[in-house]
């Protein structure tokens, strides 16, 4: 019979984690943070859009900016030597919210993205955001851990957003139609990989607590 998790062990783990967190630089670089902020604003803009295919080109360029800003904020932070933890937390939340809003917008407003797949991907991103938020709340500190599977899930989610919005914005461009199915498959597989990677991470953490 397995013994219950010792509260003392959990307390020690929490204290050790918080001690490490105290060494983190909490100053946010204004430039990269401003780029990340535009992703929050872009998500709000998509939420306020009235449904209609006549806005497909606008949605496409908003999605393109969302994907580009995700690269630019990280690039700017590295160039400025400001690639710190608070910036990563902000970037993580911005990605999850923007991607989720954009998936719903393209699926239901434009109809060029499979509804079931859109819901699956939204579920993945919001579940991950909720899970890490719960952990952060439990230890009174924002926790963001980016696995390789998560990086792939974000990458292919953005590619899927660009391709599916491009189908509506530029129906004469065969490249978007040709890429749609393979990208859809890779997006689904990457989300599954991301989920598995976090389960493995959780298992390693629990093993350390129970040692």
N, C-alpha and C. Protein backbone atom coordinates (compact mmCIF):
# COMPACT_ATOMS: atom_id res chain seq x y z
N UNK A 1 0.84 -1.20 0.00
CA UNK A 1 0.00 0.00 0.00
C UNK A 1 0.88 1.25 0.00
N UNK A 2 0.63 2.20 -0.94
CA UNK A 2 1.46 3.38 -1.05
C UNK A 2 1.17 4.32 0.10
N UNK A 3 2.25 4.94 0.62
CA UNK A 3 2.05 5.87 1.70
C UNK A 3 1.58 7.21 1.15
N UNK A 4 0.79 7.97 1.91
CA UNK A 4 0.32 9.27 1.45
C UNK A 4 1.46 10.26 1.33
N UNK A 5 1.28 11.27 0.48
CA UNK A 5 2.30 12.29 0.32
C UNK A 5 2.47 13.04 1.63
N UNK A 6 3.69 13.14 2.11
CA UNK A 6 4.00 13.80 3.37
C UNK A 6 3.88 15.32 3.19
N UNK A 7 3.12 15.97 4.06
CA UNK A 7 2.95 17.42 3.98
C UNK A 7 4.29 18.13 4.19
N UNK A 8 5.16 17.54 5.01
CA UNK A 8 6.47 18.15 5.26
C UNK A 8 7.28 18.16 3.97
N UNK A 9 7.22 17.06 3.20
CA UNK A 9 7.94 17.00 1.94
C UNK A 9 7.45 18.05 0.97
N UNK A 10 6.14 18.22 0.88
CA UNK A 10 5.56 19.23 0.01
C UNK A 10 5.98 20.62 0.44
N UNK A 11 6.02 20.83 1.75
CA UNK A 11 6.43 22.13 2.26
C UNK A 11 7.88 22.42 1.94
N UNK A 12 8.76 21.41 2.11
CA UNK A 12 10.18 21.57 1.78
C UNK A 12 10.36 21.86 0.30
N UNK A 13 9.62 21.15 -0.55
CA UNK A 13 9.72 21.35 -2.00
C UNK A 13 9.31 22.78 -2.36
N UNK A 14 8.22 23.25 -1.73
CA UNK A 14 7.73 24.60 -2.00
C UNK A 14 8.75 25.64 -1.56
N UNK A 15 9.36 25.45 -0.37
CA UNK A 15 10.35 26.42 0.12
C UNK A 15 11.58 26.45 -0.77
N UNK A 16 12.04 25.27 -1.19
CA UNK A 16 13.21 25.23 -2.07
C UNK A 16 12.93 25.94 -3.39
N UNK A 17 11.72 25.74 -3.92
CA UNK A 17 11.34 26.38 -5.18
C UNK A 17 11.31 27.90 -5.02
N UNK A 18 10.71 28.37 -3.92
CA UNK A 18 10.60 29.81 -3.69
C UNK A 18 11.97 30.44 -3.46
N UNK A 19 12.88 29.71 -2.82
CA UNK A 19 14.23 30.23 -2.61
C UNK A 19 14.94 30.45 -3.94
N UNK A 20 14.75 29.52 -4.88
CA UNK A 20 15.34 29.68 -6.20
C UNK A 20 14.71 30.85 -6.95
N UNK A 21 13.41 31.03 -6.76
CA UNK A 21 12.71 32.09 -7.46
C UNK A 21 13.16 33.48 -7.01
N UNK A 22 13.68 33.57 -5.77
CA UNK A 22 14.09 34.87 -5.25
C UNK A 22 15.29 35.43 -6.02
N UNK A 23 16.02 34.57 -6.70
CA UNK A 23 17.19 35.02 -7.46
C UNK A 23 16.83 35.49 -8.87
N UNK A 24 15.54 35.43 -9.21
CA UNK A 24 15.11 35.79 -10.56
C UNK A 24 15.01 37.31 -10.70
N UNK A 25 15.45 37.80 -11.85
CA UNK A 25 15.34 39.23 -12.15
C UNK A 25 13.91 39.52 -12.63
N UNK A 26 13.19 40.37 -11.89
CA UNK A 26 11.79 40.62 -12.19
C UNK A 26 11.57 41.89 -13.03
N UNK A 27 12.64 42.49 -13.49
CA UNK A 27 12.49 43.69 -14.31
C UNK A 27 12.12 43.29 -15.74
N UNK A 28 11.02 43.85 -16.25
CA UNK A 28 10.55 43.53 -17.60
C UNK A 28 11.09 44.55 -18.58
N UNK A 29 11.70 44.08 -19.67
CA UNK A 29 12.22 44.97 -20.71
C UNK A 29 11.06 45.61 -21.46
N UNK A 30 10.99 46.95 -21.53
CA UNK A 30 9.85 47.63 -22.16
C UNK A 30 9.63 47.26 -23.62
N UNK A 31 10.71 47.16 -24.41
CA UNK A 31 10.57 46.87 -25.84
C UNK A 31 9.92 45.52 -26.12
N UNK A 32 10.53 44.43 -25.64
CA UNK A 32 9.90 43.11 -25.83
C UNK A 32 8.52 43.01 -25.22
N UNK A 33 8.32 43.64 -24.06
CA UNK A 33 7.01 43.59 -23.40
C UNK A 33 5.96 44.30 -24.24
N UNK A 34 6.35 45.39 -24.91
CA UNK A 34 5.41 46.12 -25.76
C UNK A 34 4.98 45.25 -26.94
N UNK A 35 5.92 44.49 -27.50
CA UNK A 35 5.58 43.58 -28.60
C UNK A 35 4.63 42.49 -28.13
N UNK A 36 4.89 41.96 -26.94
CA UNK A 36 4.01 40.94 -26.38
C UNK A 36 2.62 41.51 -26.11
N UNK A 37 2.59 42.74 -25.63
CA UNK A 37 1.31 43.39 -25.33
C UNK A 37 0.43 43.52 -26.57
N UNK A 38 1.06 43.73 -27.74
CA UNK A 38 0.26 43.86 -28.96
C UNK A 38 -0.51 42.58 -29.26
N UNK A 39 0.00 41.44 -28.77
CA UNK A 39 -0.70 40.17 -28.97
C UNK A 39 -1.97 40.11 -28.13
N UNK A 40 -1.92 40.65 -26.92
CA UNK A 40 -3.12 40.76 -26.11
C UNK A 40 -4.15 41.65 -26.81
N UNK A 41 -3.68 42.79 -27.32
CA UNK A 41 -4.57 43.74 -28.00
C UNK A 41 -5.15 43.14 -29.27
N UNK A 42 -4.33 42.37 -30.00
CA UNK A 42 -4.81 41.72 -31.22
C UNK A 42 -5.91 40.71 -30.90
N UNK A 43 -5.75 39.99 -29.79
CA UNK A 43 -6.79 39.04 -29.38
C UNK A 43 -8.09 39.74 -29.04
N UNK A 44 -8.00 40.88 -28.34
CA UNK A 44 -9.20 41.66 -28.02
C UNK A 44 -9.86 42.16 -29.31
N UNK A 45 -9.04 42.59 -30.26
CA UNK A 45 -9.56 43.08 -31.55
C UNK A 45 -10.35 41.98 -32.27
N UNK A 46 -9.81 40.77 -32.28
CA UNK A 46 -10.49 39.65 -32.93
C UNK A 46 -11.81 39.34 -32.24
N UNK A 47 -11.83 39.46 -30.91
CA UNK A 47 -13.06 39.20 -30.17
C UNK A 47 -14.17 40.19 -30.54
N UNK A 48 -13.77 41.40 -30.86
CA UNK A 48 -14.75 42.46 -31.14
C UNK A 48 -15.21 42.49 -32.59
N UNK A 49 -14.58 41.68 -33.45
CA UNK A 49 -14.95 41.66 -34.86
C UNK A 49 -16.33 41.05 -35.06
N UNK A 50 -17.11 41.68 -35.91
CA UNK A 50 -18.41 41.12 -36.29
C UNK A 50 -18.16 40.03 -37.33
N UNK A 51 -18.78 38.84 -37.20
CA UNK A 51 -18.57 37.75 -38.15
C UNK A 51 -18.85 38.18 -39.59
N UNK A 52 -18.02 37.67 -40.50
CA UNK A 52 -18.23 37.96 -41.92
C UNK A 52 -16.98 37.71 -42.72
N UNK A 53 -17.12 37.07 -43.88
CA UNK A 53 -15.97 36.76 -44.71
C UNK A 53 -15.32 38.00 -45.32
N UNK A 54 -16.04 39.13 -45.31
CA UNK A 54 -15.46 40.34 -45.89
C UNK A 54 -14.28 40.85 -45.05
N UNK A 55 -14.14 40.35 -43.81
CA UNK A 55 -13.03 40.74 -42.94
C UNK A 55 -11.90 39.72 -42.96
N UNK A 56 -11.94 38.78 -43.89
CA UNK A 56 -10.97 37.69 -43.91
C UNK A 56 -9.54 38.19 -44.11
N UNK A 57 -9.36 39.19 -44.97
CA UNK A 57 -8.00 39.72 -45.21
C UNK A 57 -7.47 40.39 -43.94
N UNK A 58 -8.33 41.14 -43.27
CA UNK A 58 -7.95 41.80 -42.02
C UNK A 58 -7.56 40.77 -40.96
N UNK A 59 -8.36 39.72 -40.82
CA UNK A 59 -8.06 38.66 -39.86
C UNK A 59 -6.73 37.99 -40.19
N UNK A 60 -6.49 37.77 -41.49
CA UNK A 60 -5.23 37.15 -41.91
C UNK A 60 -4.04 37.97 -41.43
N UNK A 61 -4.07 39.28 -41.63
CA UNK A 61 -2.93 40.12 -41.26
C UNK A 61 -2.80 40.27 -39.74
N UNK A 62 -3.92 40.23 -39.03
CA UNK A 62 -3.85 40.24 -37.57
C UNK A 62 -3.17 38.96 -37.07
N UNK A 63 -3.54 37.83 -37.67
CA UNK A 63 -2.92 36.55 -37.31
C UNK A 63 -1.43 36.55 -37.68
N UNK A 64 -1.10 37.09 -38.83
CA UNK A 64 0.30 37.18 -39.23
C UNK A 64 1.10 38.00 -38.22
N UNK A 65 0.50 39.11 -37.77
CA UNK A 65 1.20 39.93 -36.78
C UNK A 65 1.35 39.18 -35.47
N UNK A 66 0.33 38.44 -35.06
CA UNK A 66 0.42 37.65 -33.83
C UNK A 66 1.58 36.67 -33.89
N UNK A 67 1.71 35.97 -35.01
CA UNK A 67 2.79 35.00 -35.18
C UNK A 67 4.15 35.70 -35.23
N UNK A 68 4.21 36.82 -35.96
CA UNK A 68 5.47 37.55 -36.09
C UNK A 68 5.90 38.15 -34.76
N UNK A 69 4.95 38.70 -34.01
CA UNK A 69 5.29 39.31 -32.72
C UNK A 69 5.80 38.27 -31.73
N UNK A 70 5.32 37.03 -31.85
CA UNK A 70 5.80 35.96 -30.97
C UNK A 70 7.28 35.70 -31.20
N UNK A 71 7.71 35.85 -32.44
CA UNK A 71 9.14 35.69 -32.75
C UNK A 71 9.92 36.95 -32.35
N UNK A 72 9.36 38.12 -32.68
CA UNK A 72 10.09 39.37 -32.48
C UNK A 72 10.34 39.69 -31.00
N UNK A 73 9.36 39.39 -30.13
CA UNK A 73 9.58 39.73 -28.71
C UNK A 73 10.72 38.90 -28.12
N UNK A 74 10.79 37.61 -28.50
CA UNK A 74 11.89 36.78 -28.04
C UNK A 74 13.22 37.21 -28.62
N UNK A 75 13.22 37.54 -29.91
CA UNK A 75 14.44 38.00 -30.59
C UNK A 75 14.94 39.29 -29.95
N UNK A 76 14.03 40.25 -29.72
CA UNK A 76 14.40 41.53 -29.11
C UNK A 76 14.95 41.33 -27.70
N UNK A 77 14.31 40.45 -26.94
CA UNK A 77 14.77 40.19 -25.56
C UNK A 77 16.18 39.62 -25.56
N UNK A 78 16.45 38.71 -26.50
CA UNK A 78 17.81 38.12 -26.57
C UNK A 78 18.84 39.15 -27.01
N UNK A 79 18.48 39.98 -27.98
CA UNK A 79 19.42 40.99 -28.46
C UNK A 79 19.74 42.03 -27.38
N UNK A 80 18.74 42.35 -26.56
CA UNK A 80 18.93 43.35 -25.50
C UNK A 80 19.47 42.74 -24.21
N UNK A 81 19.60 41.39 -24.20
CA UNK A 81 20.04 40.73 -22.99
C UNK A 81 19.01 40.78 -21.88
N UNK A 82 17.73 40.84 -22.25
CA UNK A 82 16.64 40.95 -21.29
C UNK A 82 15.71 39.74 -21.35
N UNK A 83 16.26 38.59 -21.67
CA UNK A 83 15.45 37.37 -21.80
C UNK A 83 15.20 36.80 -20.41
N UNK A 84 14.27 37.43 -19.64
CA UNK A 84 14.08 37.07 -18.24
C UNK A 84 12.76 36.33 -18.01
N UNK A 85 12.60 35.88 -16.78
CA UNK A 85 11.45 35.03 -16.44
C UNK A 85 10.10 35.75 -16.56
N UNK A 86 9.95 36.98 -16.05
CA UNK A 86 8.66 37.67 -16.20
C UNK A 86 8.25 37.83 -17.66
N UNK A 87 9.23 38.08 -18.52
CA UNK A 87 8.93 38.19 -19.95
C UNK A 87 8.42 36.88 -20.52
N UNK A 88 8.98 35.76 -20.04
CA UNK A 88 8.53 34.45 -20.49
C UNK A 88 7.10 34.17 -20.03
N UNK A 89 6.78 34.58 -18.81
CA UNK A 89 5.42 34.39 -18.30
C UNK A 89 4.43 35.19 -19.14
N UNK A 90 4.77 36.44 -19.41
CA UNK A 90 3.89 37.31 -20.21
C UNK A 90 3.72 36.75 -21.61
N UNK A 91 4.82 36.28 -22.20
CA UNK A 91 4.77 35.72 -23.55
C UNK A 91 3.91 34.46 -23.60
N UNK A 92 4.05 33.61 -22.59
CA UNK A 92 3.28 32.37 -22.50
C UNK A 92 1.78 32.65 -22.46
N UNK A 93 1.38 33.57 -21.57
CA UNK A 93 -0.05 33.91 -21.43
C UNK A 93 -0.58 34.54 -22.71
N UNK A 94 0.21 35.44 -23.31
CA UNK A 94 -0.21 36.11 -24.55
C UNK A 94 -0.43 35.09 -25.66
N UNK A 95 0.48 34.13 -25.78
CA UNK A 95 0.34 33.08 -26.81
C UNK A 95 -0.94 32.29 -26.61
N UNK A 96 -1.16 31.83 -25.39
CA UNK A 96 -2.32 30.98 -25.12
C UNK A 96 -3.64 31.70 -25.42
N UNK A 97 -3.73 32.94 -24.98
CA UNK A 97 -4.98 33.68 -25.18
C UNK A 97 -5.18 34.06 -26.65
N UNK A 98 -4.12 34.54 -27.29
CA UNK A 98 -4.26 34.95 -28.69
C UNK A 98 -4.58 33.77 -29.59
N UNK A 99 -3.84 32.68 -29.42
CA UNK A 99 -4.07 31.49 -30.25
C UNK A 99 -5.50 30.97 -30.06
N UNK A 100 -5.96 30.93 -28.83
CA UNK A 100 -7.32 30.42 -28.56
C UNK A 100 -8.38 31.30 -29.22
N UNK A 101 -8.23 32.62 -29.07
CA UNK A 101 -9.20 33.54 -29.68
C UNK A 101 -9.15 33.44 -31.20
N UNK A 102 -7.95 33.36 -31.77
CA UNK A 102 -7.80 33.30 -33.22
C UNK A 102 -8.38 31.99 -33.78
N UNK A 103 -8.20 30.89 -33.08
CA UNK A 103 -8.75 29.61 -33.53
C UNK A 103 -10.28 29.68 -33.60
N UNK A 104 -10.89 30.24 -32.56
CA UNK A 104 -12.35 30.37 -32.54
C UNK A 104 -12.82 31.33 -33.64
N UNK A 105 -12.11 32.43 -33.80
CA UNK A 105 -12.49 33.43 -34.82
C UNK A 105 -12.47 32.84 -36.22
N UNK A 106 -11.39 32.15 -36.56
CA UNK A 106 -11.26 31.58 -37.90
C UNK A 106 -12.26 30.45 -38.11
N UNK A 107 -12.45 29.63 -37.08
CA UNK A 107 -13.35 28.49 -37.20
C UNK A 107 -14.80 28.93 -37.40
N UNK A 108 -15.25 29.87 -36.58
CA UNK A 108 -16.67 30.23 -36.59
C UNK A 108 -16.99 31.46 -37.44
N UNK A 109 -16.04 32.37 -37.59
CA UNK A 109 -16.29 33.56 -38.40
C UNK A 109 -15.99 33.33 -39.87
N UNK A 110 -14.92 32.60 -40.15
CA UNK A 110 -14.51 32.39 -41.53
C UNK A 110 -14.89 31.01 -42.05
N UNK A 111 -14.98 30.03 -41.16
CA UNK A 111 -15.36 28.68 -41.58
C UNK A 111 -14.32 27.93 -42.36
N UNK A 112 -13.06 28.35 -42.26
CA UNK A 112 -11.99 27.68 -43.02
C UNK A 112 -11.10 26.81 -42.13
N UNK A 113 -11.57 26.53 -40.91
CA UNK A 113 -10.86 25.66 -39.99
C UNK A 113 -11.85 24.69 -39.37
N UNK A 114 -11.50 23.41 -39.38
CA UNK A 114 -12.36 22.38 -38.82
C UNK A 114 -12.75 22.72 -37.38
N UNK A 115 -14.06 22.75 -37.10
CA UNK A 115 -14.55 23.16 -35.79
C UNK A 115 -14.05 22.26 -34.67
N UNK A 116 -14.07 20.95 -34.91
CA UNK A 116 -13.64 20.01 -33.88
C UNK A 116 -12.17 20.19 -33.56
N UNK A 117 -11.35 20.33 -34.61
CA UNK A 117 -9.92 20.52 -34.38
C UNK A 117 -9.65 21.84 -33.68
N UNK A 118 -10.42 22.87 -34.04
CA UNK A 118 -10.25 24.15 -33.37
C UNK A 118 -10.54 24.02 -31.88
N UNK A 119 -11.61 23.30 -31.53
CA UNK A 119 -11.97 23.11 -30.12
C UNK A 119 -10.92 22.29 -29.38
N UNK A 120 -10.36 21.28 -30.07
CA UNK A 120 -9.32 20.45 -29.45
C UNK A 120 -8.09 21.29 -29.12
N UNK A 121 -7.67 22.12 -30.07
CA UNK A 121 -6.48 22.95 -29.85
C UNK A 121 -6.74 24.03 -28.81
N UNK A 122 -7.93 24.64 -28.85
CA UNK A 122 -8.29 25.62 -27.82
C UNK A 122 -8.27 24.95 -26.45
N UNK A 123 -8.83 23.74 -26.38
CA UNK A 123 -8.83 22.99 -25.13
C UNK A 123 -7.43 22.74 -24.61
N UNK A 124 -6.51 22.38 -25.52
CA UNK A 124 -5.11 22.15 -25.11
C UNK A 124 -4.50 23.41 -24.52
N UNK A 125 -4.61 24.51 -25.27
CA UNK A 125 -3.95 25.75 -24.83
C UNK A 125 -4.55 26.29 -23.53
N UNK A 126 -5.87 26.25 -23.42
CA UNK A 126 -6.50 26.78 -22.20
C UNK A 126 -6.31 25.84 -21.01
N UNK A 127 -6.28 24.53 -21.27
CA UNK A 127 -6.02 23.57 -20.19
C UNK A 127 -4.63 23.78 -19.62
N UNK A 128 -3.67 23.99 -20.50
CA UNK A 128 -2.31 24.22 -20.05
C UNK A 128 -2.20 25.53 -19.27
N UNK A 129 -2.86 26.56 -19.77
CA UNK A 129 -2.86 27.85 -19.07
C UNK A 129 -3.51 27.72 -17.70
N UNK A 130 -4.64 27.02 -17.63
CA UNK A 130 -5.34 26.83 -16.36
C UNK A 130 -4.52 25.99 -15.39
N UNK A 131 -3.87 24.93 -15.91
CA UNK A 131 -3.08 24.05 -15.06
C UNK A 131 -1.90 24.77 -14.42
N UNK A 132 -1.15 25.51 -15.24
CA UNK A 132 -0.01 26.24 -14.69
C UNK A 132 -0.45 27.40 -13.80
N UNK A 133 -1.62 27.97 -14.10
CA UNK A 133 -2.15 29.03 -13.24
C UNK A 133 -2.51 28.47 -11.87
N UNK A 134 -3.07 27.26 -11.84
CA UNK A 134 -3.43 26.61 -10.58
C UNK A 134 -2.19 26.31 -9.75
N UNK A 135 -1.14 25.81 -10.42
CA UNK A 135 0.11 25.54 -9.72
C UNK A 135 0.70 26.84 -9.18
N UNK A 136 0.65 27.89 -10.01
CA UNK A 136 1.18 29.19 -9.59
C UNK A 136 0.43 29.72 -8.38
N UNK A 137 -0.90 29.56 -8.40
CA UNK A 137 -1.71 30.01 -7.27
C UNK A 137 -1.38 29.23 -6.01
N UNK A 138 -1.11 27.94 -6.16
CA UNK A 138 -0.87 27.09 -4.99
C UNK A 138 0.44 27.41 -4.29
N UNK A 139 1.42 27.95 -5.03
CA UNK A 139 2.71 28.28 -4.41
C UNK A 139 2.95 29.79 -4.35
N UNK A 140 1.94 30.57 -4.74
CA UNK A 140 2.02 32.05 -4.68
C UNK A 140 3.15 32.58 -5.55
N UNK A 141 3.36 31.93 -6.70
CA UNK A 141 4.40 32.41 -7.61
C UNK A 141 4.07 31.93 -9.02
N UNK A 142 4.22 32.82 -10.03
CA UNK A 142 3.91 32.41 -11.41
C UNK A 142 4.89 31.36 -11.93
N UNK A 143 4.37 30.22 -12.32
CA UNK A 143 5.21 29.13 -12.82
C UNK A 143 4.93 28.90 -14.30
N UNK A 144 5.98 29.00 -15.10
CA UNK A 144 5.87 28.72 -16.53
C UNK A 144 7.06 27.86 -16.94
N UNK A 145 6.78 26.67 -17.39
CA UNK A 145 7.81 25.76 -17.88
C UNK A 145 7.47 25.39 -19.32
N UNK A 146 8.37 25.69 -20.23
CA UNK A 146 8.12 25.44 -21.65
C UNK A 146 8.88 24.20 -22.09
N UNK A 147 8.16 23.14 -22.41
CA UNK A 147 8.78 21.92 -22.90
C UNK A 147 8.96 21.99 -24.42
N UNK A 148 9.73 21.07 -24.96
CA UNK A 148 9.91 21.01 -26.41
C UNK A 148 8.58 20.74 -27.11
N UNK A 149 7.78 19.86 -26.52
CA UNK A 149 6.47 19.56 -27.09
C UNK A 149 5.57 20.79 -27.13
N UNK A 150 5.67 21.62 -26.09
CA UNK A 150 4.88 22.86 -26.05
C UNK A 150 5.34 23.84 -27.12
N UNK A 151 6.65 23.93 -27.33
CA UNK A 151 7.16 24.82 -28.38
C UNK A 151 6.63 24.40 -29.75
N UNK A 152 6.59 23.09 -30.00
CA UNK A 152 6.07 22.59 -31.27
C UNK A 152 4.57 22.88 -31.39
N UNK A 153 3.84 22.72 -30.29
CA UNK A 153 2.40 22.96 -30.31
C UNK A 153 2.09 24.42 -30.64
N UNK A 154 2.85 25.34 -30.07
CA UNK A 154 2.65 26.77 -30.35
C UNK A 154 3.03 27.07 -31.80
N UNK A 155 4.15 26.53 -32.24
CA UNK A 155 4.61 26.77 -33.62
C UNK A 155 3.58 26.32 -34.64
N UNK A 156 3.10 25.08 -34.51
CA UNK A 156 2.16 24.55 -35.50
C UNK A 156 0.77 25.16 -35.35
N UNK A 157 0.44 25.64 -34.15
CA UNK A 157 -0.83 26.35 -33.99
C UNK A 157 -0.80 27.66 -34.77
N UNK A 158 0.31 28.36 -34.70
CA UNK A 158 0.45 29.60 -35.46
C UNK A 158 0.44 29.33 -36.97
N UNK A 159 1.15 28.30 -37.38
CA UNK A 159 1.17 27.97 -38.81
C UNK A 159 -0.24 27.62 -39.29
N UNK A 160 -0.97 26.86 -38.48
CA UNK A 160 -2.35 26.50 -38.84
C UNK A 160 -3.23 27.74 -38.93
N UNK A 161 -3.04 28.69 -38.03
CA UNK A 161 -3.81 29.93 -38.06
C UNK A 161 -3.55 30.71 -39.35
N UNK A 162 -2.28 30.79 -39.72
CA UNK A 162 -1.92 31.52 -40.94
C UNK A 162 -2.50 30.83 -42.17
N UNK A 163 -2.36 29.51 -42.23
CA UNK A 163 -2.83 28.76 -43.40
C UNK A 163 -4.36 28.83 -43.51
N UNK A 164 -5.06 28.60 -42.40
CA UNK A 164 -6.53 28.57 -42.46
C UNK A 164 -7.12 29.96 -42.71
N UNK A 165 -6.52 30.99 -42.15
CA UNK A 165 -7.00 32.34 -42.45
C UNK A 165 -6.62 32.75 -43.87
N UNK A 166 -5.49 32.26 -44.35
CA UNK A 166 -5.08 32.54 -45.73
C UNK A 166 -6.02 31.91 -46.75
N UNK A 167 -6.60 30.75 -46.40
CA UNK A 167 -7.58 30.11 -47.28
C UNK A 167 -8.77 31.02 -47.54
N UNK A 168 -9.20 31.72 -46.48
CA UNK A 168 -10.36 32.62 -46.62
C UNK A 168 -9.98 33.94 -47.27
N UNK A 169 -8.81 34.46 -46.90
CA UNK A 169 -8.40 35.77 -47.40
C UNK A 169 -7.99 35.74 -48.87
N UNK A 170 -7.35 34.65 -49.27
CA UNK A 170 -6.83 34.54 -50.64
C UNK A 170 -7.25 33.20 -51.24
N UNK A 171 -8.53 33.05 -51.56
CA UNK A 171 -9.04 31.76 -52.06
C UNK A 171 -8.38 31.30 -53.36
N UNK A 172 -7.77 32.22 -54.08
CA UNK A 172 -7.12 31.84 -55.33
C UNK A 172 -5.73 31.29 -55.15
N UNK A 173 -5.18 31.39 -53.95
CA UNK A 173 -3.83 30.90 -53.68
C UNK A 173 -3.88 29.43 -53.27
N UNK A 174 -3.40 28.57 -54.14
CA UNK A 174 -3.47 27.13 -53.90
C UNK A 174 -2.58 26.68 -52.74
N UNK A 175 -1.56 27.47 -52.42
CA UNK A 175 -0.61 27.05 -51.39
C UNK A 175 -1.29 26.85 -50.04
N UNK A 176 -2.28 27.70 -49.72
CA UNK A 176 -2.96 27.58 -48.43
C UNK A 176 -3.82 26.32 -48.40
N UNK A 177 -4.46 26.01 -49.51
CA UNK A 177 -5.30 24.81 -49.59
C UNK A 177 -4.42 23.55 -49.51
N UNK A 178 -3.27 23.60 -50.18
CA UNK A 178 -2.36 22.44 -50.20
C UNK A 178 -1.76 22.17 -48.82
N UNK A 179 -1.47 23.24 -48.09
CA UNK A 179 -0.81 23.08 -46.80
C UNK A 179 -1.79 22.75 -45.66
N UNK A 180 -3.06 23.04 -45.87
CA UNK A 180 -4.03 22.97 -44.77
C UNK A 180 -4.07 21.60 -44.09
N UNK A 181 -4.27 20.52 -44.85
CA UNK A 181 -4.43 19.19 -44.23
C UNK A 181 -3.17 18.72 -43.51
N UNK A 182 -1.97 18.78 -44.15
CA UNK A 182 -0.78 18.35 -43.40
C UNK A 182 -0.50 19.19 -42.16
N UNK A 183 -0.73 20.50 -42.25
CA UNK A 183 -0.50 21.36 -41.09
C UNK A 183 -1.51 21.04 -39.98
N UNK A 184 -2.74 20.75 -40.37
CA UNK A 184 -3.77 20.37 -39.39
C UNK A 184 -3.35 19.13 -38.63
N UNK A 185 -2.81 18.15 -39.35
CA UNK A 185 -2.35 16.90 -38.72
C UNK A 185 -1.18 17.17 -37.79
N UNK A 186 -0.21 17.96 -38.25
CA UNK A 186 0.96 18.27 -37.42
C UNK A 186 0.56 19.06 -36.18
N UNK A 187 -0.42 19.95 -36.32
CA UNK A 187 -0.89 20.73 -35.17
C UNK A 187 -1.50 19.82 -34.12
N UNK A 188 -2.30 18.83 -34.57
CA UNK A 188 -2.92 17.90 -33.64
C UNK A 188 -1.87 17.03 -32.94
N UNK A 189 -0.91 16.54 -33.71
CA UNK A 189 0.14 15.69 -33.14
C UNK A 189 1.03 16.47 -32.17
N UNK A 190 1.31 17.72 -32.51
CA UNK A 190 2.17 18.54 -31.64
C UNK A 190 1.46 18.85 -30.33
N UNK A 191 0.14 19.06 -30.38
CA UNK A 191 -0.61 19.29 -29.14
C UNK A 191 -0.59 18.04 -28.26
N UNK A 192 -0.72 16.87 -28.88
CA UNK A 192 -0.64 15.61 -28.14
C UNK A 192 0.75 15.45 -27.53
N UNK A 193 1.78 15.77 -28.31
CA UNK A 193 3.15 15.69 -27.82
C UNK A 193 3.36 16.65 -26.65
N UNK A 194 2.80 17.85 -26.77
CA UNK A 194 2.92 18.82 -25.70
C UNK A 194 2.26 18.34 -24.42
N UNK A 195 1.10 17.74 -24.56
CA UNK A 195 0.38 17.23 -23.39
C UNK A 195 1.16 16.11 -22.72
N UNK A 196 1.70 15.20 -23.52
CA UNK A 196 2.49 14.09 -22.98
C UNK A 196 3.73 14.61 -22.26
N UNK A 197 4.37 15.63 -22.85
CA UNK A 197 5.60 16.18 -22.25
C UNK A 197 5.32 16.78 -20.88
N UNK A 198 4.15 17.39 -20.71
CA UNK A 198 3.82 17.97 -19.40
C UNK A 198 3.44 16.90 -18.39
N UNK A 199 2.84 15.82 -18.85
CA UNK A 199 2.56 14.70 -17.93
C UNK A 199 3.87 14.09 -17.44
N UNK A 200 4.84 13.97 -18.35
CA UNK A 200 6.15 13.45 -17.95
C UNK A 200 6.83 14.39 -16.97
N UNK A 201 6.73 15.69 -17.23
CA UNK A 201 7.32 16.67 -16.32
C UNK A 201 6.67 16.59 -14.94
N UNK A 202 5.35 16.47 -14.91
CA UNK A 202 4.63 16.36 -13.65
C UNK A 202 5.05 15.10 -12.89
N UNK A 203 5.24 14.02 -13.62
CA UNK A 203 5.66 12.78 -12.98
C UNK A 203 7.05 12.93 -12.36
N UNK A 204 7.96 13.62 -13.06
CA UNK A 204 9.30 13.83 -12.51
C UNK A 204 9.26 14.69 -11.25
N UNK A 205 8.38 15.69 -11.26
CA UNK A 205 8.26 16.56 -10.09
C UNK A 205 7.73 15.78 -8.89
N UNK A 206 6.69 14.97 -9.15
CA UNK A 206 6.12 14.15 -8.06
C UNK A 206 7.13 13.15 -7.54
N UNK A 207 7.96 12.58 -8.43
CA UNK A 207 8.98 11.63 -7.99
C UNK A 207 10.00 12.32 -7.08
N UNK A 208 10.33 13.58 -7.40
CA UNK A 208 11.27 14.31 -6.57
C UNK A 208 10.66 14.61 -5.20
N UNK A 209 9.37 14.92 -5.19
CA UNK A 209 8.70 15.21 -3.92
C UNK A 209 8.66 13.97 -3.03
N UNK A 210 8.45 12.81 -3.65
CA UNK A 210 8.27 11.57 -2.89
C UNK A 210 9.58 10.87 -2.55
N UNK A 211 10.69 11.39 -3.07
CA UNK A 211 11.97 10.74 -2.78
C UNK A 211 12.32 10.82 -1.28
